Amino acid sequence: MKALILAAGIGSRLSPLTDETPKALISVAGTPLLERVLLRLKAAGVKSFVVNAHHHAQKVSDFCAELSRRHGVPVSVSREDDLILDTGGALKKAAALLRGREPFFVHNADVITDIDLHALYGAHRNSNALVTLSVRARESGRAYLFDAKDRLVGHDDKKAGRTTWAKGAASGAQRLAFDGIHVVSPSLLDKIVEGGVFSITKTYLRLAASGEEIRAFRADRWTWHDVGTSEKLASAEAWVRANQTGSGT
């Protein structure tokens, strides 16, 4: 099993911490974010990793080499030196490193959670979904929209004042915020026709419109933090210290 860890973010809202340190290498309770995510994915069965890098890309690359030595797993780096490619562009650029027979994880480096990754992966394997998205009911400026069968039907962006439907407006759609964790069937890689800088949401909506199943995995019962601001970093740190188990929580 493979995983792509998205670690290219600049983390401008965490400045000055991120002026000289990549966001993915910011420490929470003494462990860098990237290492925390890698350890959780490794515990869930991931054997091989790809990390994308843009901001302070060489520092991320050097740390990935250290992680590979320290934890005994291959860690490749997909560098986006000239231009940060967003989620879709990152996945497309790293495609050659992610191909295989098994579904793989895509996980944001700045997410700290105790979501049961085995359960998420199992839910994907037991469905006919092309992609399974970990989601929850929480306040968020952007969120996915799902029908009563947990199939993706749209995306709502309150910040832009725009709702985008896959096929057409669906009454009673559930608005669920994304956790930054996907499980992806490898066949998706050949279905990404978009190019340049683009969000994978654009691809998911296009594929949902054509009949592909992009499904929700409800993760409301588990704790979730994104480390996007100094306040959120402090909250995540407090939670980790209160729930420390010694390996990648």
C-alpha atoms as a PDB file:
ATOM      1  CA  MET A   1       0.000   0.000   0.000  1.00  0.00           C
ATOM      2  CA  LYS A   2       1.207   3.509  -0.847  1.00  0.00           C
ATOM      3  CA  ALA A   3       0.443   7.013   0.368  1.00  0.00           C
ATOM      4  CA  LEU A   4       0.892  10.549  -0.909  1.00  0.00           C
ATOM      5  CA  ILE A   5       1.451  13.093   1.863  1.00  0.00           C
ATOM      6  CA  LEU A   6       0.692  16.632   0.720  1.00  0.00           C
ATOM      7  CA  ALA A   7       3.435  18.795   2.230  1.00  0.00           C
ATOM      8  CA  ALA A   8       3.945  21.620  -0.264  1.00  0.00           C
ATOM      9  CA  GLY A   9       1.992  24.282   1.637  1.00  0.00           C
ATOM     10  CA  ILE A  10       3.658  27.593   2.487  1.00  0.00           C
ATOM     11  CA  GLY A  11       1.823  28.048   5.783  1.00  0.00           C
ATOM     12  CA  SER A  12       1.755  31.851   5.586  1.00  0.00           C
ATOM     13  CA  ARG A  13      -0.768  32.050   8.444  1.00  0.00           C
ATOM     14  CA  LEU A  14       1.825  30.394  10.699  1.00  0.00           C
ATOM     15  CA  SER A  15       4.480  33.013   9.990  1.00  0.00           C
ATOM     16  CA  PRO A  16       7.061  33.659  11.400  1.00  0.00           C
ATOM     17  CA  LEU A  17       7.319  29.931  12.284  1.00  0.00           C
ATOM     18  CA  THR A  18       7.240  29.043   8.590  1.00  0.00           C
ATOM     19  CA  ASP A  19       9.607  31.749   7.363  1.00  0.00           C
ATOM     20  CA  GLU A  20      12.581  29.385   7.613  1.00  0.00           C
ATOM     21  CA  THR A  21      10.832  26.085   8.354  1.00  0.00           C
ATOM     22  CA  PRO A  22       8.473  24.224   5.984  1.00  0.00           C
ATOM     23  CA  LYS A  23       4.971  23.990   7.421  1.00  0.00           C
ATOM     24  CA  ALA A  24       5.129  20.187   7.264  1.00  0.00           C
ATOM     25  CA  LEU A  25       8.187  20.228   9.552  1.00  0.00           C
ATOM     26  CA  ILE A  26       6.600  22.322  12.297  1.00  0.00           C
ATOM     27  CA  SER A  27       6.719  20.257  15.489  1.00  0.00           C
ATOM     28  CA  VAL A  28       3.698  19.370  17.589  1.00  0.00           C
ATOM     29  CA  ALA A  29       4.611  18.010  21.026  1.00  0.00           C
ATOM     30  CA  GLY A  30       8.154  17.436  19.786  1.00  0.00           C
ATOM     31  CA  THR A  31       7.355  15.566  16.557  1.00  0.00           C
ATOM     32  CA  PRO A  32       7.199  17.223  13.105  1.00  0.00           C
ATOM     33  CA  LEU A  33       3.799  17.110  11.417  1.00  0.00           C
ATOM     34  CA  LEU A  34       5.112  15.132   8.458  1.00  0.00           C
ATOM     35  CA  GLU A  35       6.572  12.460  10.711  1.00  0.00           C
ATOM     36  CA  ARG A  36       3.326  12.200  12.710  1.00  0.00           C
ATOM     37  CA  VAL A  37       1.319  11.569   9.544  1.00  0.00           C
ATOM     38  CA  LEU A  38       3.864   9.078   8.197  1.00  0.00           C
ATOM     39  CA  LEU A  39       3.823   7.084  11.439  1.00  0.00           C
ATOM     40  CA  ARG A  40       0.032   6.876  11.513  1.00  0.00           C
ATOM     41  CA  LEU A  41      -0.110   5.774   7.886  1.00  0.00           C
ATOM     42  CA  LYS A  42       2.663   3.229   8.475  1.00  0.00           C
ATOM     43  CA  ALA A  43       0.682   1.809  11.396  1.00  0.00           C
ATOM     44  CA  ALA A  44      -2.311   1.505   9.030  1.00  0.00           C
ATOM     45  CA  GLY A  45      -0.285  -0.644   6.642  1.00  0.00           C
ATOM     46  CA  VAL A  46       1.350   1.814   4.261  1.00  0.00           C
ATOM     47  CA  LYS A  47       4.667   0.468   2.979  1.00  0.00           C
ATOM     48  CA  SER A  48       5.793   3.202   0.582  1.00  0.00           C
ATOM     49  CA  PHE A  49       5.453   6.984   0.695  1.00  0.00           C
ATOM     50  CA  VAL A  50       5.495   9.933  -1.692  1.00  0.00           C
ATOM     51  CA  VAL A  51       5.759  13.472  -0.312  1.00  0.00           C
ATOM     52  CA  ASN A  52       5.234  16.556  -2.465  1.00  0.00           C
ATOM     53  CA  ALA A  53       7.354  19.599  -1.688  1.00  0.00           C
ATOM     54  CA  HIS A  54       7.472  23.261  -2.708  1.00  0.00           C
ATOM     55  CA  HIS A  55       8.167  25.677   0.168  1.00  0.00           C
ATOM     56  CA  HIS A  56      11.729  25.000   1.402  1.00  0.00           C
ATOM     57  CA  ALA A  57      11.634  21.912  -0.812  1.00  0.00           C
ATOM     58  CA  GLN A  58      15.235  20.918  -0.088  1.00  0.00           C
ATOM     59  CA  LYS A  59      14.598  20.875   3.656  1.00  0.00           C
ATOM     60  CA  VAL A  60      11.564  18.644   3.080  1.00  0.00           C
ATOM     61  CA  SER A  61      13.619  16.368   0.817  1.00  0.00           C
ATOM     62  CA  ASP A  62      16.411  16.074   3.371  1.00  0.00           C
ATOM     63  CA  PHE A  63      13.909  15.273   6.129  1.00  0.00           C
ATOM     64  CA  CYS A  64      12.249  12.617   3.945  1.00  0.00           C
ATOM     65  CA  ALA A  65      15.617  10.912   3.495  1.00  0.00           C
ATOM     66  CA  GLU A  66      16.017  10.960   7.282  1.00  0.00           C
ATOM     67  CA  LEU A  67      12.519   9.520   7.773  1.00  0.00           C
ATOM     68  CA  SER A  68      13.290   6.718   5.334  1.00  0.00           C
ATOM     69  CA  ARG A  69      16.461   5.786   7.231  1.00  0.00           C
ATOM     70  CA  ARG A  70      14.889   6.114  10.657  1.00  0.00           C
ATOM     71  CA  HIS A  71      11.630   4.271   9.992  1.00  0.00           C
ATOM     72  CA  GLY A  72      12.724   1.759   7.356  1.00  0.00           C
ATOM     73  CA  VAL A  73      10.292   2.767   4.624  1.00  0.00           C
ATOM     74  CA  PRO A  74      10.907   4.227   1.147  1.00  0.00           C
ATOM     75  CA  VAL A  75       9.992   7.916   0.980  1.00  0.00           C
ATOM     76  CA  SER A  76      10.095   9.530  -2.476  1.00  0.00           C
ATOM     77  CA  VAL A  77       9.781  13.275  -3.026  1.00  0.00           C
ATOM     78  CA  SER A  78       7.732  14.872  -5.813  1.00  0.00           C
ATOM     79  CA  ARG A  79       9.194  18.370  -6.039  1.00  0.00           C
ATOM     80  CA  GLU A  80       7.170  21.346  -7.195  1.00  0.00           C
ATOM     81  CA  ASP A  81      10.043  23.808  -7.184  1.00  0.00           C
ATOM     82  CA  ASP A  82       8.729  26.364  -9.666  1.00  0.00           C
ATOM     83  CA  LEU A  83       5.011  26.355  -8.897  1.00  0.00           C
ATOM     84  CA  ILE A  84       2.813  24.880  -6.193  1.00  0.00           C
ATOM     85  CA  LEU A  85       0.344  22.684  -8.103  1.00  0.00           C
ATOM     86  CA  ASP A  86      -2.586  22.419  -5.657  1.00  0.00           C
ATOM     87  CA  THR A  87      -4.050  19.022  -4.755  1.00  0.00           C
ATOM     88  CA  GLY A  88      -4.989  17.909  -8.248  1.00  0.00           C
ATOM     89  CA  GLY A  89      -1.772  19.022  -9.874  1.00  0.00           C
ATOM     90  CA  ALA A  90       0.230  17.385  -7.089  1.00  0.00           C
ATOM     91  CA  LEU A  91      -1.566  14.066  -7.542  1.00  0.00           C
ATOM     92  CA  LYS A  92      -1.095  14.173 -11.309  1.00  0.00           C
ATOM     93  CA  LYS A  93       2.622  14.995 -11.045  1.00  0.00           C
ATOM     94  CA  ALA A  94       3.203  12.172  -8.550  1.00  0.00           C
ATOM     95  CA  ALA A  95       1.129   9.631 -10.515  1.00  0.00           C
ATOM     96  CA  ALA A  96       4.068   7.565 -11.750  1.00  0.00           C
ATOM     97  CA  LEU A  97       5.199   7.041  -8.151  1.00  0.00           C
ATOM     98  CA  LEU A  98       1.724   6.036  -6.958  1.00  0.00           C
ATOM     99  CA  ARG A  99       0.717   3.462  -9.550  1.00  0.00           C
ATOM    100  CA  GLY A 100      -0.011  -0.040  -8.344  1.00  0.00           C
ATOM    101  CA  ARG A 101      -2.791  -2.534  -7.748  1.00  0.00           C
ATOM    102  CA  GLU A 102      -4.000  -1.337  -4.365  1.00  0.00           C
ATOM    103  CA  PRO A 103      -5.888   1.788  -3.330  1.00  0.00           C
ATOM    104  CA  PHE A 104      -3.645   4.407  -1.764  1.00  0.00           C
ATOM    105  CA  PHE A 105      -4.007   7.180   0.797  1.00  0.00           C
ATOM    106  CA  VAL A 106      -3.722  10.897   0.121  1.00  0.00           C
ATOM    107  CA  HIS A 107      -3.224  12.720   3.430  1.00  0.00           C
ATOM    108  CA  ASN A 108      -2.580  16.396   4.193  1.00  0.00           C
ATOM    109  CA  ALA A 109       0.586  16.865   6.244  1.00  0.00           C
ATOM    110  CA  ASP A 110      -1.015  19.505   8.460  1.00  0.00           C
ATOM    111  CA  VAL A 111      -3.802  17.263   9.798  1.00  0.00           C
ATOM    112  CA  ILE A 112      -3.622  15.692  13.249  1.00  0.00           C
ATOM    113  CA  THR A 113      -6.356  13.189  14.041  1.00  0.00           C
ATOM    114  CA  ASP A 114      -7.168   9.843  15.626  1.00  0.00           C
ATOM    115  CA  ILE A 115      -9.421   8.769  12.740  1.00  0.00           C
ATOM    116  CA  ASP A 116      -9.327   4.984  12.334  1.00  0.00           C
ATOM    117  CA  LEU A 117      -7.410   4.728   9.048  1.00  0.00           C
ATOM    118  CA  HIS A 118      -7.989   0.959   8.912  1.00  0.00           C
ATOM    119  CA  ALA A 119     -11.756   1.614   9.004  1.00  0.00           C
ATOM    120  CA  LEU A 120     -11.485   4.279   6.300  1.00  0.00           C
ATOM    121  CA  TYR A 121      -9.452   2.010   4.040  1.00  0.00           C
ATOM    122  CA  GLY A 122     -11.774  -0.931   4.701  1.00  0.00           C
ATOM    123  CA  ALA A 123     -14.843   1.148   3.862  1.00  0.00           C
ATOM    124  CA  HIS A 124     -13.267   2.029   0.547  1.00  0.00           C
ATOM    125  CA  ARG A 125     -12.322  -1.569  -0.262  1.00  0.00           C
ATOM    126  CA  ASN A 126     -15.845  -2.756   0.572  1.00  0.00           C
ATOM    127  CA  SER A 127     -17.492  -0.284  -1.803  1.00  0.00           C
ATOM    128  CA  ASN A 128     -17.404   0.349  -5.527  1.00  0.00           C
ATOM    129  CA  ALA A 129     -16.066   3.841  -4.973  1.00  0.00           C
ATOM    130  CA  LEU A 130     -13.317   5.363  -7.059  1.00  0.00           C
ATOM    131  CA  VAL A 131     -12.470   7.662  -4.142  1.00  0.00           C
ATOM    132  CA  THR A 132     -13.531   7.743  -0.491  1.00  0.00           C
ATOM    133  CA  LEU A 133     -13.321  11.051   1.379  1.00  0.00           C
ATOM    134  CA  SER A 134     -13.110  11.362   5.152  1.00  0.00           C
ATOM    135  CA  VAL A 135     -15.676  14.033   6.091  1.00  0.00           C
ATOM    136  CA  ARG A 136     -17.614  15.361   9.068  1.00  0.00           C
ATOM    137  CA  ALA A 137     -20.331  17.821  10.028  1.00  0.00           C
ATOM    138  CA  ARG A 138     -18.455  20.931  11.148  1.00  0.00           C
ATOM    139  CA  GLU A 139     -18.353  24.623  10.319  1.00  0.00           C
ATOM    140  CA  SER A 140     -16.205  25.237   7.265  1.00  0.00           C
ATOM    141  CA  GLY A 141     -16.035  27.812   4.503  1.00  0.00           C
ATOM    142  CA  ARG A 142     -15.791  25.040   1.921  1.00  0.00           C
ATOM    143  CA  ALA A 143     -17.468  21.630   2.006  1.00  0.00           C
ATOM    144  CA  TYR A 144     -18.517  18.741  -0.179  1.00  0.00           C
ATOM    145  CA  LEU A 145     -22.179  17.942  -0.828  1.00  0.00           C
ATOM    146  CA  PHE A 146     -23.409  14.344  -0.703  1.00  0.00           C
ATOM    147  CA  ASP A 147     -26.722  12.660  -1.448  1.00  0.00           C
ATOM    148  CA  ALA A 148     -28.594  10.313   0.911  1.00  0.00           C
ATOM    149  CA  LYS A 149     -26.393   7.409  -0.233  1.00  0.00           C
ATOM    150  CA  ASP A 150     -23.200   9.316   0.644  1.00  0.00           C
ATOM    151  CA  ARG A 151     -22.285   9.933  -3.005  1.00  0.00           C
ATOM    152  CA  LEU A 152     -20.633  13.200  -4.024  1.00  0.00           C
ATOM    153  CA  VAL A 153     -23.038  15.533  -5.808  1.00  0.00           C
ATOM    154  CA  GLY A 154     -21.486  18.968  -5.387  1.00  0.00           C
ATOM    155  CA  HIS A 155     -19.208  21.422  -3.624  1.00  0.00           C
ATOM    156  CA  ASP A 156     -20.131  24.514  -1.645  1.00  0.00           C
ATOM    157  CA  ASP A 157     -17.774  27.469  -1.262  1.00  0.00           C
ATOM    158  CA  LYS A 158     -19.216  30.027   1.128  1.00  0.00           C
ATOM    159  CA  LYS A 159     -16.146  32.244   0.812  1.00  0.00           C
ATOM    160  CA  ALA A 160     -16.686  32.625  -2.910  1.00  0.00           C
ATOM    161  CA  GLY A 161     -20.488  32.523  -2.624  1.00  0.00           C
ATOM    162  CA  ARG A 162     -20.591  29.630  -5.098  1.00  0.00           C
ATOM    163  CA  THR A 163     -22.141  26.167  -5.141  1.00  0.00           C
ATOM    164  CA  THR A 164     -21.002  23.798  -7.887  1.00  0.00           C
ATOM    165  CA  TRP A 165     -23.106  20.734  -8.687  1.00  0.00           C
ATOM    166  CA  ALA A 166     -21.788  17.622 -10.406  1.00  0.00           C
ATOM    167  CA  LYS A 167     -24.950  17.064 -12.475  1.00  0.00           C
ATOM    168  CA  GLY A 168     -27.565  19.472 -11.195  1.00  0.00           C
ATOM    169  CA  ALA A 169     -28.899  20.826  -7.927  1.00  0.00           C
ATOM    170  CA  ALA A 170     -29.752  17.989  -5.530  1.00  0.00           C
ATOM    171  CA  SER A 171     -32.352  18.692  -2.869  1.00  0.00           C
ATOM    172  CA  GLY A 172     -31.518  17.625   0.668  1.00  0.00           C
ATOM    173  CA  ALA A 173     -27.790  17.296   0.018  1.00  0.00           C
ATOM    174  CA  GLN A 174     -25.621  16.899   3.128  1.00  0.00           C
ATOM    175  CA  ARG A 175     -22.948  19.584   3.533  1.00  0.00           C
ATOM    176  CA  LEU A 176     -19.883  17.864   5.018  1.00  0.00           C
ATOM    177  CA  ALA A 177     -16.438  19.337   5.586  1.00  0.00           C
ATOM    178  CA  PHE A 178     -13.435  17.440   4.261  1.00  0.00           C
ATOM    179  CA  ASP A 179     -10.789  16.106   6.664  1.00  0.00           C
ATOM    180  CA  GLY A 180      -7.936  16.249   4.152  1.00  0.00           C
ATOM    181  CA  ILE A 181      -7.727  12.444   3.922  1.00  0.00           C
ATOM    182  CA  HIS A 182      -8.731  10.423   0.845  1.00  0.00           C
ATOM    183  CA  VAL A 183      -8.467   6.772  -0.162  1.00  0.00           C
ATOM    184  CA  VAL A 184      -8.018   6.554  -3.924  1.00  0.00           C
ATOM    185  CA  SER A 185      -8.331   3.635  -6.325  1.00  0.00           C
ATOM    186  CA  PRO A 186      -5.334   3.611  -8.693  1.00  0.00           C
ATOM    187  CA  SER A 187      -7.603   3.789 -11.750  1.00  0.00           C
ATOM    188  CA  LEU A 188      -8.225   7.443 -10.846  1.00  0.00           C
ATOM    189  CA  LEU A 189      -4.731   8.333 -12.054  1.00  0.00           C
ATOM    190  CA  ASP A 190      -5.619   7.687 -15.698  1.00  0.00           C
ATOM    191  CA  LYS A 191      -8.849   9.661 -15.357  1.00  0.00           C
ATOM    192  CA  ILE A 192      -7.171  12.949 -14.389  1.00  0.00           C
ATOM    193  CA  VAL A 193      -7.283  14.988 -17.604  1.00  0.00           C
ATOM    194  CA  GLU A 194      -6.960  18.419 -16.010  1.00  0.00           C
ATOM    195  CA  GLY A 195      -3.562  20.101 -16.237  1.00  0.00           C
ATOM    196  CA  GLY A 196      -1.458  22.757 -14.569  1.00  0.00           C
ATOM    197  CA  VAL A 197      -2.516  24.088 -11.190  1.00  0.00           C
ATOM    198  CA  PHE A 198      -5.896  22.701 -10.111  1.00  0.00           C
ATOM    199  CA  SER A 199      -7.795  21.365  -7.125  1.00  0.00           C
ATOM    200  CA  ILE A 200      -8.648  17.658  -7.167  1.00  0.00           C
ATOM    201  CA  THR A 201     -12.205  18.772  -6.356  1.00  0.00           C
ATOM    202  CA  LYS A 202     -12.542  19.833  -9.993  1.00  0.00           C
ATOM    203  CA  THR A 203     -11.673  16.291 -11.083  1.00  0.00           C
ATOM    204  CA  TYR A 204     -13.930  14.673  -8.508  1.00  0.00           C
ATOM    205  CA  LEU A 205     -16.958  16.714  -9.585  1.00  0.00           C
ATOM    206  CA  ARG A 206     -16.342  15.947 -13.254  1.00  0.00           C
ATOM    207  CA  LEU A 207     -16.046  12.230 -12.542  1.00  0.00           C
ATOM    208  CA  ALA A 208     -19.112  12.230 -10.284  1.00  0.00           C
ATOM    209  CA  ALA A 209     -21.062  13.822 -13.138  1.00  0.00           C
ATOM    210  CA  SER A 210     -20.003  10.948 -15.414  1.00  0.00           C
ATOM    211  CA  GLY A 211     -21.254   8.324 -12.945  1.00  0.00           C
ATOM    212  CA  GLU A 212     -18.110   7.521 -10.987  1.00  0.00           C
ATOM    213  CA  GLU A 213     -18.717   7.039  -7.272  1.00  0.00           C
ATOM    214  CA  ILE A 214     -16.921   9.452  -4.953  1.00  0.00           C
ATOM    215  CA  ARG A 215     -18.125   8.482  -1.485  1.00  0.00           C
ATOM    216  CA  ALA A 216     -18.192   9.943   2.015  1.00  0.00           C
ATOM    217  CA  PHE A 217     -16.715   8.244   5.065  1.00  0.00           C
ATOM    218  CA  ARG A 218     -18.279   9.823   8.163  1.00  0.00           C
ATOM    219  CA  ALA A 219     -15.527  10.474  10.694  1.00  0.00           C
ATOM    220  CA  ASP A 220     -17.510  12.577  13.180  1.00  0.00           C
ATOM    221  CA  ARG A 221     -16.747  10.256  16.121  1.00  0.00           C
ATOM    222  CA  TRP A 222     -13.006  10.912  15.921  1.00  0.00           C
ATOM    223  CA  THR A 223     -11.033  14.021  16.867  1.00  0.00           C
ATOM    224  CA  TRP A 224      -9.592  16.162  14.083  1.00  0.00           C
ATOM    225  CA  HIS A 225      -7.271  19.170  13.997  1.00  0.00           C
ATOM    226  CA  ASP A 226      -5.776  21.094  11.104  1.00  0.00           C
ATOM    227  CA  VAL A 227      -2.680  23.110  11.919  1.00  0.00           C
ATOM    228  CA  GLY A 228      -3.389  26.222   9.865  1.00  0.00           C
ATOM    229  CA  THR A 229      -2.914  29.037  12.375  1.00  0.00           C
ATOM    230  CA  SER A 230      -0.997  29.588  15.605  1.00  0.00           C
ATOM    231  CA  GLU A 231      -4.248  29.147  17.548  1.00  0.00           C
ATOM    232  CA  LYS A 232      -4.983  25.843  15.823  1.00  0.00           C
ATOM    233  CA  LEU A 233      -1.400  24.737  16.383  1.00  0.00           C
ATOM    234  CA  ALA A 234      -1.774  25.409  20.114  1.00  0.00           C
ATOM    235  CA  SER A 235      -5.066  23.499  20.204  1.00  0.00           C
ATOM    236  CA  ALA A 236      -3.550  20.519  18.393  1.00  0.00           C
ATOM    237  CA  GLU A 237      -0.538  20.560  20.718  1.00  0.00           C
ATOM    238  CA  ALA A 238      -2.765  20.531  23.799  1.00  0.00           C
ATOM    239  CA  TRP A 239      -4.807  17.624  22.435  1.00  0.00           C
ATOM    240  CA  VAL A 240      -1.724  15.591  21.511  1.00  0.00           C
ATOM    241  CA  ARG A 241      -0.130  16.113  24.927  1.00  0.00           C
ATOM    242  CA  ALA A 242      -3.351  15.082  26.647  1.00  0.00           C
ATOM    243  CA  ASN A 243      -3.692  11.951  24.499  1.00  0.00           C
ATOM    244  CA  GLN A 244      -0.057  11.001  23.855  1.00  0.00           C
ATOM    245  CA  THR A 245       0.358   7.301  23.142  1.00  0.00           C
ATOM    246  CA  GLY A 246       3.931   7.396  21.976  1.00  0.00           C
ATOM    247  CA  SER A 247       3.455   6.761  18.257  1.00  0.00           C
ATOM    248  CA  GLY A 248       2.080   9.263  15.851  1.00  0.00           C
ATOM    249  CA  THR A 249      -1.202  10.382  17.365  1.00  0.00           C
END
